[in-house]
Amino acid sequence: MFKGILTNREHEVFALLIENKTTKEIASILNISEKTVRNHISNAMQKLGVKGRASAVIELIRLGELSI
């Protein structure tokens, strides 16, 4: 189980984002809707206080929450 800033699902979404997966691909892989994927990304960006997916990924890497 993942512990940190993100929920487990948010972490799964961002792990797939850094693999260059699209919202549609992430939704298919995780068996959730594209809207839910966007909600997870949006929630994580709010927690991090950033605007944009790229900024969120950079911040999560900086904080040691994600690795590439």
N, C-alpha and C. Protein backbone atom coordinates (compact mmCIF):
# COMPACT_ATOMS: atom_id res chain seq x y z
N MET A 1 0.84 -1.18 0.00
CA MET A 1 0.00 0.00 0.00
C MET A 1 0.88 1.24 0.00
N PHE A 2 0.44 2.25 -0.74
CA PHE A 2 1.19 3.49 -0.87
C PHE A 2 0.82 4.45 0.24
N LYS A 3 1.81 5.09 0.85
CA LYS A 3 1.55 6.09 1.88
C LYS A 3 2.20 7.38 1.46
N GLY A 4 1.50 8.46 1.61
CA GLY A 4 2.05 9.76 1.25
C GLY A 4 0.94 10.74 0.96
N ILE A 5 1.23 11.67 0.10
CA ILE A 5 0.29 12.73 -0.24
C ILE A 5 -0.90 12.20 -1.01
N LEU A 6 -0.65 11.30 -1.93
CA LEU A 6 -1.70 10.81 -2.83
C LEU A 6 -2.41 9.59 -2.26
N THR A 7 -3.66 9.42 -2.70
CA THR A 7 -4.35 8.16 -2.41
C THR A 7 -3.72 7.08 -3.29
N ASN A 8 -4.03 5.84 -2.99
CA ASN A 8 -3.50 4.74 -3.81
C ASN A 8 -3.90 4.91 -5.27
N ARG A 9 -5.16 5.27 -5.51
CA ARG A 9 -5.65 5.40 -6.88
C ARG A 9 -4.98 6.57 -7.59
N GLU A 10 -4.82 7.69 -6.90
CA GLU A 10 -4.13 8.84 -7.50
C GLU A 10 -2.71 8.45 -7.88
N HIS A 11 -2.07 7.70 -7.02
CA HIS A 11 -0.71 7.24 -7.31
C HIS A 11 -0.69 6.35 -8.54
N GLU A 12 -1.66 5.45 -8.65
CA GLU A 12 -1.75 4.59 -9.84
C GLU A 12 -1.91 5.43 -11.11
N VAL A 13 -2.77 6.44 -11.04
CA VAL A 13 -3.01 7.31 -12.19
C VAL A 13 -1.72 8.01 -12.60
N PHE A 14 -1.02 8.60 -11.63
CA PHE A 14 0.21 9.33 -11.96
C PHE A 14 1.33 8.40 -12.41
N ALA A 15 1.38 7.20 -11.87
CA ALA A 15 2.37 6.22 -12.34
C ALA A 15 2.15 5.92 -13.82
N LEU A 16 0.89 5.85 -14.23
CA LEU A 16 0.59 5.61 -15.65
C LEU A 16 0.83 6.86 -16.48
N LEU A 17 0.58 8.03 -15.91
CA LEU A 17 0.85 9.28 -16.63
C LEU A 17 2.33 9.39 -16.99
N ILE A 18 3.21 9.02 -16.05
CA ILE A 18 4.64 9.14 -16.36
C ILE A 18 5.11 8.08 -17.33
N GLU A 19 4.23 7.08 -17.59
CA GLU A 19 4.51 6.11 -18.66
C GLU A 19 3.94 6.61 -19.99
N ASN A 20 3.52 7.87 -20.00
CA ASN A 20 3.00 8.53 -21.21
C ASN A 20 1.66 7.95 -21.68
N LYS A 21 0.87 7.45 -20.74
CA LYS A 21 -0.47 6.94 -21.07
C LYS A 21 -1.44 8.11 -21.15
N THR A 22 -2.42 8.00 -22.04
CA THR A 22 -3.46 9.02 -22.16
C THR A 22 -4.53 8.78 -21.11
N THR A 23 -5.38 9.79 -20.94
CA THR A 23 -6.51 9.66 -20.01
C THR A 23 -7.36 8.45 -20.38
N LYS A 24 -7.61 8.29 -21.67
CA LYS A 24 -8.42 7.15 -22.14
C LYS A 24 -7.74 5.82 -21.83
N GLU A 25 -6.44 5.74 -22.05
CA GLU A 25 -5.70 4.51 -21.75
C GLU A 25 -5.70 4.21 -20.26
N ILE A 26 -5.49 5.24 -19.45
CA ILE A 26 -5.49 5.05 -17.99
C ILE A 26 -6.86 4.55 -17.53
N ALA A 27 -7.92 5.15 -18.05
CA ALA A 27 -9.28 4.73 -17.69
C ALA A 27 -9.48 3.25 -18.03
N SER A 28 -9.03 2.84 -19.20
CA SER A 28 -9.18 1.46 -19.62
C SER A 28 -8.37 0.51 -18.73
N ILE A 29 -7.14 0.87 -18.46
CA ILE A 29 -6.26 0.03 -17.64
C ILE A 29 -6.81 -0.15 -16.23
N LEU A 30 -7.32 0.95 -15.64
CA LEU A 30 -7.81 0.91 -14.26
C LEU A 30 -9.30 0.58 -14.16
N ASN A 31 -9.93 0.41 -15.32
CA ASN A 31 -11.36 0.08 -15.38
C ASN A 31 -12.22 1.14 -14.66
N ILE A 32 -11.92 2.40 -14.95
CA ILE A 32 -12.68 3.53 -14.43
C ILE A 32 -12.99 4.46 -15.60
N SER A 33 -13.86 5.43 -15.39
CA SER A 33 -14.21 6.35 -16.48
C SER A 33 -13.11 7.40 -16.67
N GLU A 34 -13.10 8.01 -17.85
CA GLU A 34 -12.14 9.07 -18.13
C GLU A 34 -12.37 10.25 -17.18
N LYS A 35 -13.64 10.52 -16.85
CA LYS A 35 -13.95 11.60 -15.92
C LYS A 35 -13.34 11.32 -14.55
N THR A 36 -13.39 10.08 -14.11
CA THR A 36 -12.79 9.71 -12.83
C THR A 36 -11.28 9.90 -12.87
N VAL A 37 -10.65 9.55 -13.97
CA VAL A 37 -9.21 9.77 -14.12
C VAL A 37 -8.90 11.26 -13.98
N ARG A 38 -9.67 12.09 -14.70
CA ARG A 38 -9.46 13.54 -14.62
C ARG A 38 -9.69 14.06 -13.20
N ASN A 39 -10.68 13.49 -12.50
CA ASN A 39 -10.93 13.90 -11.11
C ASN A 39 -9.75 13.55 -10.21
N HIS A 40 -9.18 12.37 -10.39
CA HIS A 40 -8.02 11.97 -9.58
C HIS A 40 -6.84 12.92 -9.83
N ILE A 41 -6.63 13.26 -11.09
CA ILE A 41 -5.54 14.17 -11.44
C ILE A 41 -5.79 15.55 -10.83
N SER A 42 -7.01 16.04 -10.95
CA SER A 42 -7.38 17.33 -10.41
C SER A 42 -7.23 17.37 -8.89
N ASN A 43 -7.68 16.33 -8.21
CA ASN A 43 -7.55 16.27 -6.75
C ASN A 43 -6.09 16.29 -6.33
N ALA A 44 -5.26 15.55 -7.03
CA ALA A 44 -3.83 15.52 -6.71
C ALA A 44 -3.20 16.89 -6.94
N MET A 45 -3.58 17.56 -8.03
CA MET A 45 -3.02 18.89 -8.31
C MET A 45 -3.42 19.87 -7.22
N GLN A 46 -4.64 19.78 -6.73
CA GLN A 46 -5.08 20.65 -5.63
C GLN A 46 -4.26 20.39 -4.37
N LYS A 47 -4.05 19.13 -4.04
CA LYS A 47 -3.26 18.77 -2.85
C LYS A 47 -1.85 19.35 -2.95
N LEU A 48 -1.30 19.34 -4.17
CA LEU A 48 0.07 19.79 -4.39
C LEU A 48 0.17 21.30 -4.59
N GLY A 49 -0.95 21.93 -4.85
CA GLY A 49 -0.95 23.37 -5.09
C GLY A 49 -0.30 23.75 -6.41
N VAL A 50 -0.49 22.92 -7.43
CA VAL A 50 0.10 23.18 -8.74
C VAL A 50 -1.00 23.24 -9.79
N LYS A 51 -0.64 23.81 -10.93
CA LYS A 51 -1.55 23.85 -12.08
C LYS A 51 -0.92 23.06 -13.19
N GLY A 52 -1.62 22.05 -13.66
CA GLY A 52 -1.14 21.26 -14.77
C GLY A 52 -0.55 19.93 -14.34
N ARG A 53 -0.74 18.97 -15.21
CA ARG A 53 -0.25 17.61 -14.95
C ARG A 53 1.27 17.56 -14.85
N ALA A 54 1.92 18.26 -15.75
CA ALA A 54 3.39 18.23 -15.77
C ALA A 54 3.95 18.78 -14.46
N SER A 55 3.38 19.88 -13.98
CA SER A 55 3.83 20.46 -12.72
C SER A 55 3.60 19.49 -11.57
N ALA A 56 2.48 18.78 -11.61
CA ALA A 56 2.18 17.80 -10.56
C ALA A 56 3.20 16.67 -10.57
N VAL A 57 3.53 16.18 -11.77
CA VAL A 57 4.52 15.10 -11.87
C VAL A 57 5.87 15.57 -11.34
N ILE A 58 6.28 16.77 -11.73
CA ILE A 58 7.57 17.31 -11.27
C ILE A 58 7.58 17.43 -9.75
N GLU A 59 6.50 17.94 -9.18
CA GLU A 59 6.43 18.10 -7.73
C GLU A 59 6.44 16.74 -7.02
N LEU A 60 5.73 15.78 -7.56
CA LEU A 60 5.70 14.45 -6.94
C LEU A 60 7.07 13.77 -7.00
N ILE A 61 7.79 13.98 -8.07
CA ILE A 61 9.15 13.44 -8.16
C ILE A 61 10.06 14.15 -7.16
N ARG A 62 9.92 15.47 -7.09
CA ARG A 62 10.73 16.27 -6.15
C ARG A 62 10.50 15.82 -4.70
N LEU A 63 9.25 15.49 -4.38
CA LEU A 63 8.88 15.08 -3.03
C LEU A 63 9.20 13.60 -2.76
N GLY A 64 9.64 12.90 -3.79
CA GLY A 64 9.96 11.48 -3.64
C GLY A 64 8.72 10.58 -3.67
N GLU A 65 7.59 11.13 -4.12
CA GLU A 65 6.36 10.36 -4.19
C GLU A 65 6.31 9.49 -5.45
N LEU A 66 6.99 9.91 -6.48
CA LEU A 66 7.07 9.16 -7.74
C LEU A 66 8.52 9.07 -8.16
N SER A 67 8.84 8.02 -8.90
CA SER A 67 10.18 7.94 -9.48
C SER A 67 10.02 7.59 -10.96
N ILE A 68 10.99 8.04 -11.74
CA ILE A 68 10.91 7.77 -13.17
C ILE A 68 11.95 6.76 -13.58
